[in-house]
PDB file of all heavy atoms in Angstrom:
ATOM      1  N   GLY A   1     -21.236   4.471  43.060  1.00  0.00           N
ATOM      2  CA  GLY A   1     -20.623   3.828  44.220  1.00  0.00           C
ATOM      3  C   GLY A   1     -19.154   3.487  44.097  1.00  0.00           C
ATOM      4  O   GLY A   1     -18.705   2.508  44.674  1.00  0.00           O
ATOM      5  N   HIS A   2     -18.387   4.245  43.358  1.00  0.00           N
ATOM      6  CA  HIS A   2     -16.942   4.021  43.279  1.00  0.00           C
ATOM      7  C   HIS A   2     -16.302   4.633  44.526  1.00  0.00           C
ATOM      8  O   HIS A   2     -15.689   5.692  44.470  1.00  0.00           O
ATOM      9  CB  HIS A   2     -16.372   4.620  41.993  1.00  0.00           C
ATOM     10  CG  HIS A   2     -16.896   3.975  40.767  1.00  0.00           C
ATOM     11  ND1 HIS A   2     -16.406   2.780  40.299  1.00  0.00           N
ATOM     12  CD2 HIS A   2     -17.895   4.319  39.932  1.00  0.00           C
ATOM     13  CE1 HIS A   2     -17.062   2.428  39.212  1.00  0.00           C
ATOM     14  NE2 HIS A   2     -17.977   3.347  38.980  1.00  0.00           N
ATOM     15  N   THR A   3     -16.470   3.972  45.645  1.00  0.00           N
ATOM     16  CA  THR A   3     -16.117   4.537  46.942  1.00  0.00           C
ATOM     17  C   THR A   3     -14.637   4.874  47.091  1.00  0.00           C
ATOM     18  O   THR A   3     -14.289   5.780  47.832  1.00  0.00           O
ATOM     19  CB  THR A   3     -16.536   3.584  48.079  1.00  0.00           C
ATOM     20  OG1 THR A   3     -15.958   2.296  47.836  1.00  0.00           O
ATOM     21  CG2 THR A   3     -18.040   3.465  48.161  1.00  0.00           C
ATOM     22  N   ALA A   4     -13.780   4.189  46.375  1.00  0.00           N
ATOM     23  CA  ALA A   4     -12.349   4.500  46.472  1.00  0.00           C
ATOM     24  C   ALA A   4     -12.069   5.910  45.976  1.00  0.00           C
ATOM     25  O   ALA A   4     -11.156   6.580  46.472  1.00  0.00           O
ATOM     26  CB  ALA A   4     -11.533   3.491  45.671  1.00  0.00           C
ATOM     27  N   LEU A   5     -12.848   6.388  45.018  1.00  0.00           N
ATOM     28  CA  LEU A   5     -12.656   7.739  44.492  1.00  0.00           C
ATOM     29  C   LEU A   5     -13.308   8.803  45.364  1.00  0.00           C
ATOM     30  O   LEU A   5     -13.014   9.981  45.213  1.00  0.00           O
ATOM     31  CB  LEU A   5     -13.268   7.852  43.089  1.00  0.00           C
ATOM     32  CG  LEU A   5     -12.442   7.321  41.951  1.00  0.00           C
ATOM     33  CD1 LEU A   5     -13.206   7.442  40.650  1.00  0.00           C
ATOM     34  CD2 LEU A   5     -11.133   8.074  41.843  1.00  0.00           C
ATOM     35  N   CYS A   6     -14.209   8.418  46.224  1.00  0.00           N
ATOM     36  CA  CYS A   6     -15.001   9.382  46.988  1.00  0.00           C
ATOM     37  C   CYS A   6     -14.246  10.001  48.154  1.00  0.00           C
ATOM     38  O   CYS A   6     -14.807  10.812  48.883  1.00  0.00           O
ATOM     39  CB  CYS A   6     -16.298   8.725  47.462  1.00  0.00           C
ATOM     40  SG  CYS A   6     -17.371   8.279  46.085  1.00  0.00           S
ATOM     41  N   ARG A   7     -13.021   9.631  48.343  1.00  0.00           N
ATOM     42  CA  ARG A   7     -12.215  10.269  49.375  1.00  0.00           C
ATOM     43  C   ARG A   7     -11.647  11.577  48.832  1.00  0.00           C
ATOM     44  O   ARG A   7     -11.519  11.767  47.640  1.00  0.00           O
ATOM     45  CB  ARG A   7     -11.084   9.337  49.801  1.00  0.00           C
ATOM     46  CG  ARG A   7     -11.595   8.099  50.514  1.00  0.00           C
ATOM     47  CD  ARG A   7     -10.463   7.317  51.133  1.00  0.00           C
ATOM     48  NE  ARG A   7      -9.843   6.327  50.274  1.00  0.00           N
ATOM     49  CZ  ARG A   7     -10.408   5.173  49.925  1.00  0.00           C
ATOM     50  NH1 ARG A   7     -11.616   4.897  50.309  1.00  0.00           N
ATOM     51  NH2 ARG A   7      -9.768   4.314  49.186  1.00  0.00           N
ATOM     52  N   ALA A   8     -11.284  12.445  49.724  1.00  0.00           N
ATOM     53  CA  ALA A   8     -10.762  13.754  49.328  1.00  0.00           C
ATOM     54  C   ALA A   8      -9.469  13.605  48.521  1.00  0.00           C
ATOM     55  O   ALA A   8      -8.666  12.710  48.758  1.00  0.00           O
ATOM     56  CB  ALA A   8     -10.498  14.600  50.561  1.00  0.00           C
ATOM     57  N   SER A   9      -9.310  14.503  47.573  1.00  0.00           N
ATOM     58  CA  SER A   9      -8.107  14.538  46.750  1.00  0.00           C
ATOM     59  C   SER A   9      -7.380  15.854  47.027  1.00  0.00           C
ATOM     60  O   SER A   9      -8.015  16.865  47.331  1.00  0.00           O
ATOM     61  CB  SER A   9      -8.490  14.451  45.272  1.00  0.00           C
ATOM     62  OG  SER A   9      -7.390  14.781  44.468  1.00  0.00           O
ATOM     63  N   ASP A  10      -6.078  15.848  46.902  1.00  0.00           N
ATOM     64  CA  ASP A  10      -5.309  17.074  47.117  1.00  0.00           C
ATOM     65  C   ASP A  10      -5.437  18.047  45.952  1.00  0.00           C
ATOM     66  O   ASP A  10      -5.347  19.249  46.138  1.00  0.00           O
ATOM     67  CB  ASP A  10      -3.826  16.735  47.319  1.00  0.00           C
ATOM     68  CG  ASP A  10      -3.590  15.987  48.613  1.00  0.00           C
ATOM     69  OD1 ASP A  10      -4.425  16.102  49.530  1.00  0.00           O
ATOM     70  OD2 ASP A  10      -2.570  15.276  48.702  1.00  0.00           O
ATOM     71  N   SER A  11      -5.643  17.531  44.749  1.00  0.00           N
ATOM     72  CA  SER A  11      -5.611  18.400  43.580  1.00  0.00           C
ATOM     73  C   SER A  11      -6.975  18.730  42.988  1.00  0.00           C
ATOM     74  O   SER A  11      -7.067  19.619  42.151  1.00  0.00           O
ATOM     75  CB  SER A  11      -4.716  17.783  42.510  1.00  0.00           C
ATOM     76  OG  SER A  11      -5.159  16.477  42.211  1.00  0.00           O
ATOM     77  N   PHE A  12      -8.034  18.036  43.403  1.00  0.00           N
ATOM     78  CA  PHE A  12      -9.371  18.356  42.891  1.00  0.00           C
ATOM     79  C   PHE A  12     -10.432  17.850  43.858  1.00  0.00           C
ATOM     80  O   PHE A  12     -10.173  16.979  44.681  1.00  0.00           O
ATOM     81  CB  PHE A  12      -9.605  17.774  41.491  1.00  0.00           C
ATOM     82  CG  PHE A  12      -9.392  16.285  41.399  1.00  0.00           C
ATOM     83  CD1 PHE A  12     -10.437  15.398  41.648  1.00  0.00           C
ATOM     84  CD2 PHE A  12      -8.150  15.762  41.050  1.00  0.00           C
ATOM     85  CE1 PHE A  12     -10.238  14.032  41.569  1.00  0.00           C
ATOM     86  CE2 PHE A  12      -7.952  14.397  40.966  1.00  0.00           C
ATOM     87  CZ  PHE A  12      -8.997  13.525  41.226  1.00  0.00           C
ATOM     88  N   GLU A  13     -11.619  18.411  43.730  1.00  0.00           N
ATOM     89  CA  GLU A  13     -12.740  18.020  44.584  1.00  0.00           C
ATOM     90  C   GLU A  13     -13.455  16.817  43.979  1.00  0.00           C
ATOM     91  O   GLU A  13     -13.630  16.736  42.757  1.00  0.00           O
ATOM     92  CB  GLU A  13     -13.714  19.189  44.703  1.00  0.00           C
ATOM     93  CG  GLU A  13     -14.920  18.896  45.569  1.00  0.00           C
ATOM     94  CD  GLU A  13     -15.919  20.039  45.594  1.00  0.00           C
ATOM     95  OE1 GLU A  13     -15.695  21.074  44.938  1.00  0.00           O
ATOM     96  OE2 GLU A  13     -16.948  19.868  46.274  1.00  0.00           O
ATOM     97  N   VAL A  14     -13.877  15.883  44.821  1.00  0.00           N
ATOM     98  CA  VAL A  14     -14.638  14.718  44.379  1.00  0.00           C
ATOM     99  C   VAL A  14     -15.999  14.743  45.071  1.00  0.00           C
ATOM    100  O   VAL A  14     -16.068  14.876  46.291  1.00  0.00           O
ATOM    101  CB  VAL A  14     -13.914  13.397  44.714  1.00  0.00           C
ATOM    102  CG1 VAL A  14     -14.728  12.203  44.229  1.00  0.00           C
ATOM    103  CG2 VAL A  14     -12.525  13.379  44.108  1.00  0.00           C
ATOM    104  N   VAL A  15     -17.062  14.620  44.269  1.00  0.00           N
ATOM    105  CA  VAL A  15     -18.426  14.586  44.789  1.00  0.00           C
ATOM    106  C   VAL A  15     -19.022  13.252  44.373  1.00  0.00           C
ATOM    107  O   VAL A  15     -18.947  12.877  43.195  1.00  0.00           O
ATOM    108  CB  VAL A  15     -19.267  15.751  44.221  1.00  0.00           C
ATOM    109  CG1 VAL A  15     -20.683  15.701  44.749  1.00  0.00           C
ATOM    110  CG2 VAL A  15     -18.607  17.090  44.527  1.00  0.00           C
ATOM    111  N   CYS A  16     -19.637  12.543  45.308  1.00  0.00           N
ATOM    112  CA  CYS A  16     -20.192  11.217  45.027  1.00  0.00           C
ATOM    113  C   CYS A  16     -21.668  11.145  45.430  1.00  0.00           C
ATOM    114  O   CYS A  16     -22.006  10.552  46.463  1.00  0.00           O
ATOM    115  CB  CYS A  16     -19.389  10.138  45.739  1.00  0.00           C
ATOM    116  SG  CYS A  16     -17.702   9.983  45.134  1.00  0.00           S
ATOM    117  N   PRO A  17     -22.548  11.740  44.642  1.00  0.00           N
ATOM    118  CA  PRO A  17     -23.975  11.654  44.969  1.00  0.00           C
ATOM    119  C   PRO A  17     -24.512  10.258  44.669  1.00  0.00           C
ATOM    120  O   PRO A  17     -23.899   9.488  43.939  1.00  0.00           O
ATOM    121  CB  PRO A  17     -24.618  12.700  44.061  1.00  0.00           C
ATOM    122  CG  PRO A  17     -23.663  12.877  42.940  1.00  0.00           C
ATOM    123  CD  PRO A  17     -22.297  12.506  43.447  1.00  0.00           C
ATOM    124  N   ARG A  18     -25.659   9.968  45.247  1.00  0.00           N
ATOM    125  CA  ARG A  18     -26.306   8.674  45.003  1.00  0.00           C
ATOM    126  C   ARG A  18     -27.542   8.883  44.137  1.00  0.00           C
ATOM    127  O   ARG A  18     -28.251   9.858  44.308  1.00  0.00           O
ATOM    128  CB  ARG A  18     -26.717   8.027  46.312  1.00  0.00           C
ATOM    129  CG  ARG A  18     -25.548   7.662  47.183  1.00  0.00           C
ATOM    130  CD  ARG A  18     -26.043   7.006  48.471  1.00  0.00           C
ATOM    131  NE  ARG A  18     -24.947   6.821  49.389  1.00  0.00           N
ATOM    132  CZ  ARG A  18     -24.299   5.688  49.522  1.00  0.00           C
ATOM    133  NH1 ARG A  18     -24.637   4.652  48.801  1.00  0.00           N
ATOM    134  NH2 ARG A  18     -23.306   5.586  50.371  1.00  0.00           N
ATOM    135  N   ALA A  19     -27.772   7.947  43.247  1.00  0.00           N
ATOM    136  CA  ALA A  19     -28.980   7.951  42.420  1.00  0.00           C
ATOM    137  C   ALA A  19     -29.249   6.517  42.001  1.00  0.00           C
ATOM    138  O   ALA A  19     -28.328   5.734  41.802  1.00  0.00           O
ATOM    139  CB  ALA A  19     -28.799   8.843  41.200  1.00  0.00           C
ATOM    140  N   ARG A  20     -30.508   6.184  41.845  1.00  0.00           N
ATOM    141  CA  ARG A  20     -30.870   4.788  41.584  1.00  0.00           C
ATOM    142  C   ARG A  20     -30.911   4.423  40.098  1.00  0.00           C
ATOM    143  O   ARG A  20     -30.870   3.266  39.744  1.00  0.00           O
ATOM    144  CB  ARG A  20     -32.205   4.467  42.250  1.00  0.00           C
ATOM    145  CG  ARG A  20     -33.372   5.173  41.634  1.00  0.00           C
ATOM    146  CD  ARG A  20     -34.675   4.939  42.382  1.00  0.00           C
ATOM    147  NE  ARG A  20     -35.750   5.665  41.780  1.00  0.00           N
ATOM    148  CZ  ARG A  20     -35.971   6.962  41.901  1.00  0.00           C
ATOM    149  NH1 ARG A  20     -35.148   7.695  42.625  1.00  0.00           N
ATOM    150  NH2 ARG A  20     -36.982   7.544  41.311  1.00  0.00           N
ATOM    151  N   ASP A  21     -31.038   5.427  39.210  1.00  0.00           N
ATOM    152  CA  ASP A  21     -31.087   5.144  37.770  1.00  0.00           C
ATOM    153  C   ASP A  21     -30.641   6.377  36.992  1.00  0.00           C
ATOM    154  O   ASP A  21     -30.337   7.411  37.585  1.00  0.00           O
ATOM    155  CB  ASP A  21     -32.493   4.694  37.338  1.00  0.00           C
ATOM    156  CG  ASP A  21     -33.577   5.715  37.655  1.00  0.00           C
ATOM    157  OD1 ASP A  21     -33.286   6.931  37.684  1.00  0.00           O
ATOM    158  OD2 ASP A  21     -34.724   5.303  37.865  1.00  0.00           O
ATOM    159  N   ASP A  22     -30.612   6.264  35.663  1.00  0.00           N
ATOM    160  CA  ASP A  22     -30.090   7.366  34.854  1.00  0.00           C
ATOM    161  C   ASP A  22     -30.939   8.627  34.952  1.00  0.00           C
ATOM    162  O   ASP A  22     -30.419   9.738  34.955  1.00  0.00           O
ATOM    163  CB  ASP A  22     -29.888   6.943  33.404  1.00  0.00           C
ATOM    164  CG  ASP A  22     -31.136   6.431  32.731  1.00  0.00           C
ATOM    165  OD1 ASP A  22     -32.146   6.189  33.414  1.00  0.00           O
ATOM    166  OD2 ASP A  22     -31.099   6.242  31.504  1.00  0.00           O
ATOM    167  N   ARG A  23     -32.236   8.491  35.060  1.00  0.00           N
ATOM    168  CA  ARG A  23     -33.103   9.663  35.186  1.00  0.00           C
ATOM    169  C   ARG A  23     -32.864  10.359  36.529  1.00  0.00           C
ATOM    170  O   ARG A  23     -32.801  11.584  36.609  1.00  0.00           O
ATOM    171  CB  ARG A  23     -34.569   9.243  35.048  1.00  0.00           C
ATOM    172  CG  ARG A  23     -35.493  10.403  34.936  1.00  0.00           C
ATOM    173  CD  ARG A  23     -36.853   9.936  34.462  1.00  0.00           C
ATOM    174  NE  ARG A  23     -37.837  10.910  34.799  1.00  0.00           N
ATOM    175  CZ  ARG A  23     -38.999  10.655  35.356  1.00  0.00           C
ATOM    176  NH1 ARG A  23     -39.343   9.419  35.612  1.00  0.00           N
ATOM    177  NH2 ARG A  23     -39.835  11.607  35.625  1.00  0.00           N
ATOM    178  N   ALA A  24     -32.710   9.585  37.589  1.00  0.00           N
ATOM    179  CA  ALA A  24     -32.400  10.157  38.906  1.00  0.00           C
ATOM    180  C   ALA A  24     -31.028  10.824  38.884  1.00  0.00           C
ATOM    181  O   ALA A  24     -30.835  11.873  39.508  1.00  0.00           O
ATOM    182  CB  ALA A  24     -32.468   9.077  39.980  1.00  0.00           C
ATOM    183  N   GLU A  25     -30.070  10.235  38.175  1.00  0.00           N
ATOM    184  CA  GLU A  25     -28.753  10.859  38.039  1.00  0.00           C
ATOM    185  C   GLU A  25     -28.879  12.209  37.343  1.00  0.00           C
ATOM    186  O   GLU A  25     -28.268  13.192  37.777  1.00  0.00           O
ATOM    187  CB  GLU A  25     -27.806   9.961  37.242  1.00  0.00           C
ATOM    188  CG  GLU A  25     -27.305   8.766  37.986  1.00  0.00           C
ATOM    189  CD  GLU A  25     -26.418   7.864  37.155  1.00  0.00           C
ATOM    190  OE1 GLU A  25     -26.237   8.111  35.944  1.00  0.00           O
ATOM    191  OE2 GLU A  25     -25.896   6.904  37.723  1.00  0.00           O
ATOM    192  N   ALA A  26     -29.664  12.274  36.281  1.00  0.00           N
ATOM    193  CA  ALA A  26     -29.829  13.525  35.540  1.00  0.00           C
ATOM    194  C   ALA A  26     -30.477  14.598  36.409  1.00  0.00           C
ATOM    195  O   ALA A  26     -30.042  15.758  36.409  1.00  0.00           O
ATOM    196  CB  ALA A  26     -30.658  13.280  34.282  1.00  0.00           C
ATOM    197  N   ARG A  27     -31.517  14.227  37.154  1.00  0.00           N
ATOM    198  CA  ARG A  27     -32.179  15.199  38.036  1.00  0.00           C
ATOM    199  C   ARG A  27     -31.246  15.657  39.149  1.00  0.00           C
ATOM    200  O   ARG A  27     -31.168  16.846  39.461  1.00  0.00           O
ATOM    201  CB  ARG A  27     -33.444  14.600  38.625  1.00  0.00           C
ATOM    202  CG  ARG A  27     -34.596  14.596  37.652  1.00  0.00           C
ATOM    203  CD  ARG A  27     -35.865  14.244  38.353  1.00  0.00           C
ATOM    204  NE  ARG A  27     -35.716  12.919  38.953  1.00  0.00           N
ATOM    205  CZ  ARG A  27     -36.590  11.948  38.838  1.00  0.00           C
ATOM    206  NH1 ARG A  27     -37.697  12.143  38.199  1.00  0.00           N
ATOM    207  NH2 ARG A  27     -36.379  10.777  39.378  1.00  0.00           N
ATOM    208  N   ALA A  28     -30.527  14.712  39.759  1.00  0.00           N
ATOM    209  CA  ALA A  28     -29.588  15.066  40.827  1.00  0.00           C
ATOM    210  C   ALA A  28     -28.469  15.953  40.284  1.00  0.00           C
ATOM    211  O   ALA A  28     -28.054  16.916  40.935  1.00  0.00           O
ATOM    212  CB  ALA A  28     -29.014  13.802  41.456  1.00  0.00           C
ATOM    213  N   LEU A  29     -28.007  15.658  39.096  1.00  0.00           N
ATOM    214  CA  LEU A  29     -26.949  16.449  38.479  1.00  0.00           C
ATOM    215  C   LEU A  29     -27.421  17.869  38.198  1.00  0.00           C
ATOM    216  O   LEU A  29     -26.707  18.838  38.465  1.00  0.00           O
ATOM    217  CB  LEU A  29     -26.474  15.771  37.194  1.00  0.00           C
ATOM    218  CG  LEU A  29     -25.374  16.476  36.426  1.00  0.00           C
ATOM    219  CD1 LEU A  29     -24.140  16.650  37.306  1.00  0.00           C
ATOM    220  CD2 LEU A  29     -25.033  15.680  35.180  1.00  0.00           C
ATOM    221  N   ALA A  30     -28.635  18.014  37.678  1.00  0.00           N
ATOM    222  CA  ALA A  30     -29.182  19.344  37.415  1.00  0.00           C
ATOM    223  C   ALA A  30     -29.309  20.136  38.716  1.00  0.00           C
ATOM    224  O   ALA A  30     -28.986  21.332  38.764  1.00  0.00           O
ATOM    225  CB  ALA A  30     -30.529  19.237  36.715  1.00  0.00           C
ATOM    226  N   GLY A  31     -29.761  19.479  39.784  1.00  0.00           N
ATOM    227  CA  GLY A  31     -29.866  20.144  41.084  1.00  0.00           C
ATOM    228  C   GLY A  31     -28.510  20.546  41.630  1.00  0.00           C
ATOM    229  O   GLY A  31     -28.338  21.655  42.164  1.00  0.00           O
ATOM    230  N   LEU A  32     -27.538  19.665  41.503  1.00  0.00           N
ATOM    231  CA  LEU A  32     -26.184  19.947  41.960  1.00  0.00           C
ATOM    232  C   LEU A  32     -25.589  21.120  41.174  1.00  0.00           C
ATOM    233  O   LEU A  32     -24.965  22.017  41.747  1.00  0.00           O
ATOM    234  CB  LEU A  32     -25.317  18.689  41.812  1.00  0.00           C
ATOM    235  CG  LEU A  32     -23.918  18.704  42.383  1.00  0.00           C
ATOM    236  CD1 LEU A  32     -23.954  18.931  43.894  1.00  0.00           C
ATOM    237  CD2 LEU A  32     -23.219  17.380  42.067  1.00  0.00           C
ATOM    238  N   ALA A  33     -25.815  21.133  39.877  1.00  0.00           N
ATOM    239  CA  ALA A  33     -25.310  22.221  39.034  1.00  0.00           C
ATOM    240  C   ALA A  33     -25.962  23.552  39.415  1.00  0.00           C
ATOM    241  O   ALA A  33     -25.280  24.590  39.481  1.00  0.00           O
ATOM    242  CB  ALA A  33     -25.574  21.903  37.563  1.00  0.00           C
ATOM    243  N   ARG A  34     -27.268  23.536  39.667  1.00  0.00           N
ATOM    244  CA  ARG A  34     -27.963  24.760  40.105  1.00  0.00           C
ATOM    245  C   ARG A  34     -27.402  25.256  41.433  1.00  0.00           C
ATOM    246  O   ARG A  34     -27.103  26.443  41.595  1.00  0.00           O
ATOM    247  CB  ARG A  34     -29.461  24.485  40.253  1.00  0.00           C
ATOM    248  CG  ARG A  34     -30.318  25.087  39.203  1.00  0.00           C
ATOM    249  CD  ARG A  34     -31.806  24.989  39.492  1.00  0.00           C
ATOM    250  NE  ARG A  34     -32.267  23.772  40.137  1.00  0.00           N
ATOM    251  CZ  ARG A  34     -32.555  22.628  39.513  1.00  0.00           C
ATOM    252  NH1 ARG A  34     -32.422  22.560  38.208  1.00  0.00           N
ATOM    253  NH2 ARG A  34     -32.971  21.581  40.183  1.00  0.00           N
ATOM    254  N   LYS A  35     -27.258  24.350  42.371  1.00  0.00           N
ATOM    255  CA  LYS A  35     -26.775  24.681  43.710  1.00  0.00           C
ATOM    256  C   LYS A  35     -25.369  25.280  43.664  1.00  0.00           C
ATOM    257  O   LYS A  35     -25.054  26.218  44.383  1.00  0.00           O
ATOM    258  CB  LYS A  35     -26.794  23.421  44.573  1.00  0.00           C
ATOM    259  CG  LYS A  35     -26.297  23.593  45.975  1.00  0.00           C
ATOM    260  CD  LYS A  35     -26.398  22.259  46.715  1.00  0.00           C
ATOM    261  CE  LYS A  35     -25.575  22.255  47.974  1.00  0.00           C
ATOM    262  NZ  LYS A  35     -25.546  20.936  48.590  1.00  0.00           N
TER     263      LYS A  35
END
């Protein structure tokens, strides 16, 4: 939830997915990487 960073940047892409815990972060990250 670092919302200040979640705005578009001119020099790189910022993605701010949501997850409730570390295991959910890992699963979401694996899905994002696959996608």
